[in-house]
PDB file of N, CA and C in Angstrom:
ATOM      1  N   UNK A   1     146.184  22.187 132.853  1.00  0.00           N
ATOM      2  CA  UNK A   1     145.691  20.937 132.314  1.00  0.00           C
ATOM      3  C   UNK A   1     146.661  19.847 132.761  1.00  0.00           C
ATOM      4  N   UNK A   2     146.133  18.788 133.331  1.00  0.00           N
ATOM      5  CA  UNK A   2     146.981  17.687 133.757  1.00  0.00           C
ATOM      6  C   UNK A   2     147.352  16.818 132.552  1.00  0.00           C
ATOM      7  N   UNK A   3     148.339  15.953 132.760  1.00  0.00           N
ATOM      8  CA  UNK A   3     148.791  15.083 131.669  1.00  0.00           C
ATOM      9  C   UNK A   3     147.675  14.159 131.199  1.00  0.00           C
ATOM     10  N   UNK A   4     146.920  13.595 132.147  1.00  0.00           N
ATOM     11  CA  UNK A   4     145.863  12.654 131.756  1.00  0.00           C
ATOM     12  C   UNK A   4     144.737  13.367 131.003  1.00  0.00           C
ATOM     13  N   UNK A   5     144.431  14.596 131.383  1.00  0.00           N
ATOM     14  CA  UNK A   5     143.424  15.355 130.644  1.00  0.00           C
ATOM     15  C   UNK A   5     143.906  15.650 129.227  1.00  0.00           C
ATOM     16  N   UNK A   6     145.154  16.053 129.108  1.00  0.00           N
ATOM     17  CA  UNK A   6     145.716  16.314 127.787  1.00  0.00           C
ATOM     18  C   UNK A   6     145.749  15.067 126.924  1.00  0.00           C
ATOM     19  N   UNK A   7     146.105  13.937 127.534  1.00  0.00           N
ATOM     20  CA  UNK A   7     146.131  12.669 126.797  1.00  0.00           C
ATOM     21  C   UNK A   7     144.734  12.280 126.326  1.00  0.00           C
ATOM     22  N   UNK A   8     143.742  12.440 127.191  1.00  0.00           N
ATOM     23  CA  UNK A   8     142.363  12.107 126.817  1.00  0.00           C
ATOM     24  C   UNK A   8     141.877  12.990 125.676  1.00  0.00           C
ATOM     25  N   UNK A   9     142.193  14.269 125.726  1.00  0.00           N
ATOM     26  CA  UNK A   9     141.783  15.185 124.654  1.00  0.00           C
ATOM     27  C   UNK A   9     142.520  14.850 123.363  1.00  0.00           C
ATOM     28  N   UNK A  10     143.811  14.491 123.464  1.00  0.00           N
ATOM     29  CA  UNK A  10     144.566  14.093 122.263  1.00  0.00           C
ATOM     30  C   UNK A  10     143.948  12.840 121.635  1.00  0.00           C
ATOM     31  N   UNK A  11     143.552  11.878 122.446  1.00  0.00           N
ATOM     32  CA  UNK A  11     142.928  10.655 121.918  1.00  0.00           C
ATOM     33  C   UNK A  11     141.623  11.000 121.204  1.00  0.00           C
ATOM     34  N   UNK A  12     140.854  11.940 121.758  1.00  0.00           N
ATOM     35  CA  UNK A  12     139.635  12.363 121.071  1.00  0.00           C
ATOM     36  C   UNK A  12     139.955  13.007 119.723  1.00  0.00           C
ATOM     37  N   UNK A  13     140.965  13.865 119.693  1.00  0.00           N
ATOM     38  CA  UNK A  13     141.402  14.455 118.422  1.00  0.00           C
ATOM     39  C   UNK A  13     141.842  13.364 117.448  1.00  0.00           C
ATOM     40  N   UNK A  14     142.551  12.351 117.941  1.00  0.00           N
ATOM     41  CA  UNK A  14     143.064  11.287 117.084  1.00  0.00           C
ATOM     42  C   UNK A  14     141.915  10.490 116.456  1.00  0.00           C
ATOM     43  N   UNK A  15     140.925  10.134 117.264  1.00  0.00           N
ATOM     44  CA  UNK A  15     139.799   9.336 116.748  1.00  0.00           C
ATOM     45  C   UNK A  15     138.993  10.135 115.731  1.00  0.00           C
ATOM     46  N   UNK A  16     138.707  11.382 116.035  1.00  0.00           N
ATOM     47  CA  UNK A  16     137.945  12.210 115.095  1.00  0.00           C
ATOM     48  C   UNK A  16     138.723  12.398 113.794  1.00  0.00           C
ATOM     49  N   UNK A  17     140.022  12.629 113.906  1.00  0.00           N
ATOM     50  CA  UNK A  17     140.859  12.793 112.719  1.00  0.00           C
ATOM     51  C   UNK A  17     140.928  11.494 111.914  1.00  0.00           C
ATOM     52  N   UNK A  18     140.952  10.354 112.600  1.00  0.00           N
ATOM     53  CA  UNK A  18     140.990   9.069 111.893  1.00  0.00           C
ATOM     54  C   UNK A  18     139.754   8.893 111.019  1.00  0.00           C
ATOM     55  N   UNK A  19     138.586   9.263 111.533  1.00  0.00           N
ATOM     56  CA  UNK A  19     137.369   9.141 110.731  1.00  0.00           C
ATOM     57  C   UNK A  19     137.370  10.096 109.545  1.00  0.00           C
ATOM     58  N   UNK A  20     138.067  11.208 109.670  1.00  0.00           N
ATOM     59  CA  UNK A  20     138.174  12.146 108.549  1.00  0.00           C
ATOM     60  C   UNK A  20     139.159  11.618 107.504  1.00  0.00           C
ATOM     61  N   UNK A  21     140.254  11.001 107.950  1.00  0.00           N
ATOM     62  CA  UNK A  21     141.322  10.556 107.050  1.00  0.00           C
ATOM     63  C   UNK A  21     140.994   9.220 106.371  1.00  0.00           C
ATOM     64  N   UNK A  22     140.208   8.360 107.006  1.00  0.00           N
ATOM     65  CA  UNK A  22     139.955   7.015 106.480  1.00  0.00           C
ATOM     66  C   UNK A  22     139.510   6.973 105.012  1.00  0.00           C
ATOM     67  N   UNK A  23     138.549   7.767 104.569  1.00  0.00           N
ATOM     68  CA  UNK A  23     138.107   7.621 103.173  1.00  0.00           C
ATOM     69  C   UNK A  23     139.008   8.283 102.136  1.00  0.00           C
ATOM     70  N   UNK A  24     140.037   8.996 102.552  1.00  0.00           N
ATOM     71  CA  UNK A  24     140.879   9.724 101.598  1.00  0.00           C
ATOM     72  C   UNK A  24     141.757   8.748 100.812  1.00  0.00           C
ATOM     73  N   UNK A  25     141.635   8.775  99.503  1.00  0.00           N
ATOM     74  CA  UNK A  25     142.481   7.974  98.625  1.00  0.00           C
ATOM     75  C   UNK A  25     142.113   6.508  98.504  1.00  0.00           C
ATOM     76  N   UNK A  26     141.012   6.084  99.105  1.00  0.00           N
ATOM     77  CA  UNK A  26     140.613   4.681  99.050  1.00  0.00           C
ATOM     78  C   UNK A  26     139.709   4.466  97.841  1.00  0.00           C
ATOM     79  N   UNK A  27     139.977   3.404  97.094  1.00  0.00           N
ATOM     80  CA  UNK A  27     139.170   3.078  95.920  1.00  0.00           C
ATOM     81  C   UNK A  27     138.646   1.657  96.038  1.00  0.00           C
ATOM     82  N   UNK A  28     137.482   1.432  95.461  1.00  0.00           N
ATOM     83  CA  UNK A  28     136.888   0.094  95.471  1.00  0.00           C
ATOM     84  C   UNK A  28     137.506  -0.756  94.371  1.00  0.00           C
ATOM     85  N   UNK A  29     137.177  -2.036  94.384  1.00  0.00           N
ATOM     86  CA  UNK A  29     137.693  -2.951  93.363  1.00  0.00           C
ATOM     87  C   UNK A  29     137.187  -2.575  91.973  1.00  0.00           C
ATOM     88  N   UNK A  30     135.947  -2.119  91.907  1.00  0.00           N
ATOM     89  CA  UNK A  30     135.402  -1.712  90.611  1.00  0.00           C
ATOM     90  C   UNK A  30     136.134  -0.500  90.055  1.00  0.00           C
ATOM     91  N   UNK A  31     136.482   0.443  90.910  1.00  0.00           N
ATOM     92  CA  UNK A  31     137.193   1.641  90.457  1.00  0.00           C
ATOM     93  C   UNK A  31     138.608   1.318  89.997  1.00  0.00           C
ATOM     94  N   UNK A  32     139.226   0.291  90.592  1.00  0.00           N
ATOM     95  CA  UNK A  32     140.592  -0.077  90.228  1.00  0.00           C
ATOM     96  C   UNK A  32     140.645  -1.158  89.162  1.00  0.00           C
ATOM     97  N   UNK A  33     139.505  -1.779  88.863  1.00  0.00           N
ATOM     98  CA  UNK A  33     139.480  -2.834  87.861  1.00  0.00           C
ATOM     99  C   UNK A  33     140.085  -4.140  88.346  1.00  0.00           C
ATOM    100  N   UNK A  34     139.984  -4.426  89.635  1.00  0.00           N
ATOM    101  CA  UNK A  34     140.552  -5.623  90.244  1.00  0.00           C
ATOM    102  C   UNK A  34     139.414  -6.608  90.517  1.00  0.00           C
ATOM    103  N   UNK A  35     139.709  -7.910  90.391  1.00  0.00           N
ATOM    104  CA  UNK A  35     138.704  -8.926  90.689  1.00  0.00           C
ATOM    105  C   UNK A  35     138.383  -8.943  92.174  1.00  0.00           C
ATOM    106  N   UNK A  36     137.107  -9.176  92.469  1.00  0.00           N
ATOM    107  CA  UNK A  36     136.660  -9.225  93.863  1.00  0.00           C
ATOM    108  C   UNK A  36     136.704 -10.660  94.379  1.00  0.00           C
ATOM    109  N   UNK A  37     136.845 -10.800  95.668  1.00  0.00           N
ATOM    110  CA  UNK A  37     136.798 -12.094  96.328  1.00  0.00           C
ATOM    111  C   UNK A  37     135.329 -12.474  96.491  1.00  0.00           C
ATOM    112  N   UNK A  38     134.949 -13.734  96.266  1.00  0.00           N
ATOM    113  CA  UNK A  38     133.549 -14.118  96.433  1.00  0.00           C
ATOM    114  C   UNK A  38     133.051 -13.803  97.852  1.00  0.00           C
ATOM    115  N   UNK A  39     131.880 -13.141  97.917  1.00  0.00           N
ATOM    116  CA  UNK A  39     131.291 -12.782  99.190  1.00  0.00           C
ATOM    117  C   UNK A  39     131.717 -11.420  99.702  1.00  0.00           C
ATOM    118  N   UNK A  40     132.577 -10.758  98.969  1.00  0.00           N
ATOM    119  CA  UNK A  40     133.089  -9.451  99.384  1.00  0.00           C
ATOM    120  C   UNK A  40     132.066  -8.362  99.083  1.00  0.00           C
ATOM    121  N   UNK A  41     131.965  -7.382  99.970  1.00  0.00           N
ATOM    122  CA  UNK A  41     131.050  -6.263  99.752  1.00  0.00           C
ATOM    123  C   UNK A  41     131.539  -5.409  98.581  1.00  0.00           C
ATOM    124  N   UNK A  42     130.590  -4.843  97.845  1.00  0.00           N
ATOM    125  CA  UNK A  42     130.940  -4.005  96.699  1.00  0.00           C
ATOM    126  C   UNK A  42     131.721  -2.763  97.120  1.00  0.00           C
ATOM    127  N   UNK A  43     131.488  -2.297  98.331  1.00  0.00           N
ATOM    128  CA  UNK A  43     132.130  -1.066  98.791  1.00  0.00           C
ATOM    129  C   UNK A  43     133.448  -1.298  99.524  1.00  0.00           C
ATOM    130  N   UNK A  44     133.923  -2.540  99.580  1.00  0.00           N
ATOM    131  CA  UNK A  44     135.178  -2.839 100.286  1.00  0.00           C
ATOM    132  C   UNK A  44     136.355  -2.203  99.557  1.00  0.00           C
ATOM    133  N   UNK A  45     137.281  -1.599 100.302  1.00  0.00           N
ATOM    134  CA  UNK A  45     138.417  -0.954  99.652  1.00  0.00           C
ATOM    135  C   UNK A  45     139.411  -1.970  99.094  1.00  0.00           C
ATOM    136  N   UNK A  46     139.996  -1.624  97.958  1.00  0.00           N
ATOM    137  CA  UNK A  46     140.985  -2.501  97.336  1.00  0.00           C
ATOM    138  C   UNK A  46     142.408  -2.078  97.665  1.00  0.00           C
ATOM    139  N   UNK A  47     142.597  -0.831  98.060  1.00  0.00           N
ATOM    140  CA  UNK A  47     143.949  -0.327  98.281  1.00  0.00           C
ATOM    141  C   UNK A  47     144.103   0.316  99.663  1.00  0.00           C
ATOM    142  N   UNK A  48     143.471  -0.239 100.683  1.00  0.00           N
ATOM    143  CA  UNK A  48     143.562   0.334 102.029  1.00  0.00           C
ATOM    144  C   UNK A  48     144.964   0.130 102.582  1.00  0.00           C
ATOM    145  N   UNK A  49     145.575   1.222 103.057  1.00  0.00           N
ATOM    146  CA  UNK A  49     146.921   1.173 103.648  1.00  0.00           C
ATOM    147  C   UNK A  49     146.834   1.700 105.075  1.00  0.00           C
ATOM    148  N   UNK A  50     146.735   0.799 106.065  1.00  0.00           N
ATOM    149  CA  UNK A  50     146.526   1.243 107.450  1.00  0.00           C
ATOM    150  C   UNK A  50     147.694   2.032 108.023  1.00  0.00           C
ATOM    151  N   UNK A  51     148.934   1.686 107.686  1.00  0.00           N
ATOM    152  CA  UNK A  51     150.079   2.415 108.239  1.00  0.00           C
ATOM    153  C   UNK A  51     150.076   3.868 107.768  1.00  0.00           C
ATOM    154  N   UNK A  52     149.780   4.075 106.510  1.00  0.00           N
ATOM    155  CA  UNK A  52     149.690   5.435 105.965  1.00  0.00           C
ATOM    156  C   UNK A  52     148.594   6.214 106.675  1.00  0.00           C
ATOM    157  N   UNK A  53     147.452   5.586 106.892  1.00  0.00           N
ATOM    158  CA  UNK A  53     146.339   6.236 107.577  1.00  0.00           C
ATOM    159  C   UNK A  53     146.711   6.593 109.010  1.00  0.00           C
ATOM    160  N   UNK A  54     147.387   5.686 109.706  1.00  0.00           N
ATOM    161  CA  UNK A  54     147.791   5.935 111.093  1.00  0.00           C
ATOM    162  C   UNK A  54     148.792   7.087 111.167  1.00  0.00           C
ATOM    163  N   UNK A  55     149.754   7.120 110.258  1.00  0.00           N
ATOM    164  CA  UNK A  55     150.761   8.181 110.271  1.00  0.00           C
ATOM    165  C   UNK A  55     150.148   9.550 109.977  1.00  0.00           C
ATOM    166  N   UNK A  56     149.282   9.620 108.977  1.00  0.00           N
ATOM    167  CA  UNK A  56     148.626  10.888 108.651  1.00  0.00           C
ATOM    168  C   UNK A  56     147.732  11.326 109.804  1.00  0.00           C
ATOM    169  N   UNK A  57     146.997  10.391 110.385  1.00  0.00           N
ATOM    170  CA  UNK A  57     146.112  10.706 111.506  1.00  0.00           C
ATOM    171  C   UNK A  57     146.905  11.215 112.700  1.00  0.00           C
ATOM    172  N   UNK A  58     148.024  10.564 113.014  1.00  0.00           N
ATOM    173  CA  UNK A  58     148.834  10.971 114.157  1.00  0.00           C
ATOM    174  C   UNK A  58     149.412  12.366 113.949  1.00  0.00           C
ATOM    175  N   UNK A  59     149.931  12.635 112.771  1.00  0.00           N
ATOM    176  CA  UNK A  59     150.498  13.949 112.497  1.00  0.00           C
ATOM    177  C   UNK A  59     149.462  15.061 112.529  1.00  0.00           C
ATOM    178  N   UNK A  60     148.338  14.831 111.861  1.00  0.00           N
ATOM    179  CA  UNK A  60     147.292  15.844 111.807  1.00  0.00           C
ATOM    180  C   UNK A  60     146.680  16.085 113.184  1.00  0.00           C
ATOM    181  N   UNK A  61     146.458  15.026 113.944  1.00  0.00           N
ATOM    182  CA  UNK A  61     145.888  15.207 115.286  1.00  0.00           C
ATOM    183  C   UNK A  61     146.880  15.886 116.220  1.00  0.00           C
ATOM    184  N   UNK A  62     148.181  15.671 116.029  1.00  0.00           N
ATOM    185  CA  UNK A  62     149.185  16.359 116.845  1.00  0.00           C
ATOM    186  C   UNK A  62     149.163  17.859 116.562  1.00  0.00           C
ATOM    187  N   UNK A  63     149.033  18.230 115.291  1.00  0.00           N
ATOM    188  CA  UNK A  63     148.953  19.647 114.940  1.00  0.00           C
ATOM    189  C   UNK A  63     147.690  20.278 115.524  1.00  0.00           C
ATOM    190  N   UNK A  64     146.553  19.586 115.382  1.00  0.00           N
ATOM    191  CA  UNK A  64     145.299  20.114 115.910  1.00  0.00           C
ATOM    192  C   UNK A  64     145.331  20.223 117.430  1.00  0.00           C
ATOM    193  N   UNK A  65     145.896  19.212 118.099  1.00  0.00           N
ATOM    194  CA  UNK A  65     146.006  19.280 119.555  1.00  0.00           C
ATOM    195  C   UNK A  65     146.963  20.397 119.967  1.00  0.00           C
ATOM    196  N   UNK A  66     148.025  20.603 119.210  1.00  0.00           N
ATOM    197  CA  UNK A  66     148.939  21.693 119.505  1.00  0.00           C
ATOM    198  C   UNK A  66     148.235  23.045 119.440  1.00  0.00           C
ATOM    199  N   UNK A  67     147.399  23.239 118.430  1.00  0.00           N
ATOM    200  CA  UNK A  67     146.616  24.469 118.339  1.00  0.00           C
ATOM    201  C   UNK A  67     145.636  24.592 119.495  1.00  0.00           C
ATOM    202  N   UNK A  68     145.002  23.482 119.857  1.00  0.00           N
ATOM    203  CA  UNK A  68     144.078  23.481 120.986  1.00  0.00           C
ATOM    204  C   UNK A  68     144.804  23.852 122.277  1.00  0.00           C
ATOM    205  N   UNK A  69     145.969  23.260 122.497  1.00  0.00           N
ATOM    206  CA  UNK A  69     146.720  23.522 123.722  1.00  0.00           C
ATOM    207  C   UNK A  69     147.237  24.961 123.757  1.00  0.00           C
ATOM    208  N   UNK A  70     147.675  25.473 122.620  1.00  0.00           N
ATOM    209  CA  UNK A  70     148.122  26.866 122.560  1.00  0.00           C
ATOM    210  C   UNK A  70     146.965  27.811 122.876  1.00  0.00           C
ATOM    211  N   UNK A  71     145.778  27.493 122.381  1.00  0.00           N
ATOM    212  CA  UNK A  71     144.607  28.305 122.707  1.00  0.00           C
ATOM    213  C   UNK A  71     144.274  28.191 124.189  1.00  0.00           C
ATOM    214  N   UNK A  72     144.454  27.026 124.771  1.00  0.00           N
ATOM    215  CA  UNK A  72     144.213  26.833 126.203  1.00  0.00           C
ATOM    216  C   UNK A  72     145.176  27.677 127.033  1.00  0.00           C
ATOM    217  N   UNK A  73     146.429  27.717 126.627  1.00  0.00           N
ATOM    218  CA  UNK A  73     147.445  28.458 127.382  1.00  0.00           C
ATOM    219  C   UNK A  73     147.295  29.962 127.183  1.00  0.00           C
ATOM    220  N   UNK A  74     147.140  30.406 125.941  1.00  0.00           N
ATOM    221  CA  UNK A  74     147.150  31.834 125.642  1.00  0.00           C
ATOM    222  C   UNK A  74     145.757  32.463 125.592  1.00  0.00           C
ATOM    223  N   UNK A  75     144.707  31.660 125.527  1.00  0.00           N
ATOM    224  CA  UNK A  75     143.345  32.183 125.565  1.00  0.00           C
ATOM    225  C   UNK A  75     142.947  33.001 124.358  1.00  0.00           C
ATOM    226  N   UNK A  76     143.336  32.577 123.161  1.00  0.00           N
ATOM    227  CA  UNK A  76     142.996  33.314 121.945  1.00  0.00           C
ATOM    228  C   UNK A  76     141.484  33.383 121.726  1.00  0.00           C
ATOM    229  N   UNK A  77     140.819  32.254 121.880  1.00  0.00           N
ATOM    230  CA  UNK A  77     139.366  32.184 121.683  1.00  0.00           C
ATOM    231  C   UNK A  77     138.756  31.700 122.991  1.00  0.00           C
ATOM    232  N   UNK A  78     137.879  32.507 123.566  1.00  0.00           N
ATOM    233  CA  UNK A  78     137.243  32.162 124.828  1.00  0.00           C
ATOM    234  C   UNK A  78     135.772  31.860 124.647  1.00  0.00           C
ATOM    235  N   UNK A  79     135.102  31.617 125.747  1.00  0.00           N
ATOM    236  CA  UNK A  79     133.680  31.297 125.718  1.00  0.00           C
ATOM    237  C   UNK A  79     132.877  32.487 125.190  1.00  0.00           C
ATOM    238  N   UNK A  80     133.249  33.678 125.568  1.00  0.00           N
ATOM    239  CA  UNK A  80     132.517  34.871 125.106  1.00  0.00           C
ATOM    240  C   UNK A  80     132.654  35.090 123.601  1.00  0.00           C
ATOM    241  N   UNK A  81     133.715  34.594 123.001  1.00  0.00           N
ATOM    242  CA  UNK A  81     133.941  34.770 121.571  1.00  0.00           C
ATOM    243  C   UNK A  81     133.060  33.866 120.716  1.00  0.00           C
ATOM    244  N   UNK A  82     132.539  32.807 121.276  1.00  0.00           N
ATOM    245  CA  UNK A  82     131.709  31.875 120.508  1.00  0.00           C
ATOM    246  C   UNK A  82     130.252  31.860 120.981  1.00  0.00           C
ATOM    247  N   UNK A  83     129.806  32.958 121.544  1.00  0.00           N
ATOM    248  CA  UNK A  83     128.428  33.078 122.002  1.00  0.00           C
ATOM    249  C   UNK A  83     127.523  33.259 120.799  1.00  0.00           C
ATOM    250  N   UNK A  84     126.825  32.193 120.397  1.00  0.00           N
ATOM    251  CA  UNK A  84     125.985  32.247 119.195  1.00  0.00           C
ATOM    252  C   UNK A  84     124.567  32.721 119.492  1.00  0.00           C
ATOM    253  N   UNK A  85     124.219  32.836 120.762  1.00  0.00           N
ATOM    254  CA  UNK A  85     122.853  33.208 121.119  1.00  0.00           C
ATOM    255  C   UNK A  85     122.704  34.685 121.475  1.00  0.00           C
ATOM    256  N   UNK A  86     123.787  35.439 121.452  1.00  0.00           N
ATOM    257  CA  UNK A  86     123.726  36.845 121.834  1.00  0.00           C
ATOM    258  C   UNK A  86     123.662  36.995 123.339  1.00  0.00           C
ATOM    259  N   UNK A  87     123.317  38.183 123.775  1.00  0.00           N
ATOM    260  CA  UNK A  87     123.247  38.425 125.215  1.00  0.00           C
ATOM    261  C   UNK A  87     121.961  37.839 125.767  1.00  0.00           C
ATOM    262  N   UNK A  88     122.075  37.205 126.921  1.00  0.00           N
ATOM    263  CA  UNK A  88     120.897  36.610 127.566  1.00  0.00           C
ATOM    264  C   UNK A  88     120.473  37.429 128.745  1.00  0.00           C
TER     265      UNK A  88
END
């Protein structure tokens, strides 16, 4: 695997992980009992912390990419292991 291929796959892991991490721990203004700004959506988060989200996403995606790369190198799970259609 070349460096650019690995980087592209890591970025894909990062984006997918970001969408998984984004809703964790976020509460709306109604749930926190905080006044809303006029014109604000009811579902807007009141306690969004982007740095925390970025750090958790980076760490989790690094672990997932590490597992992916280890599987690429050592071949733990191959194409034949995930054949869901049986023999053709």
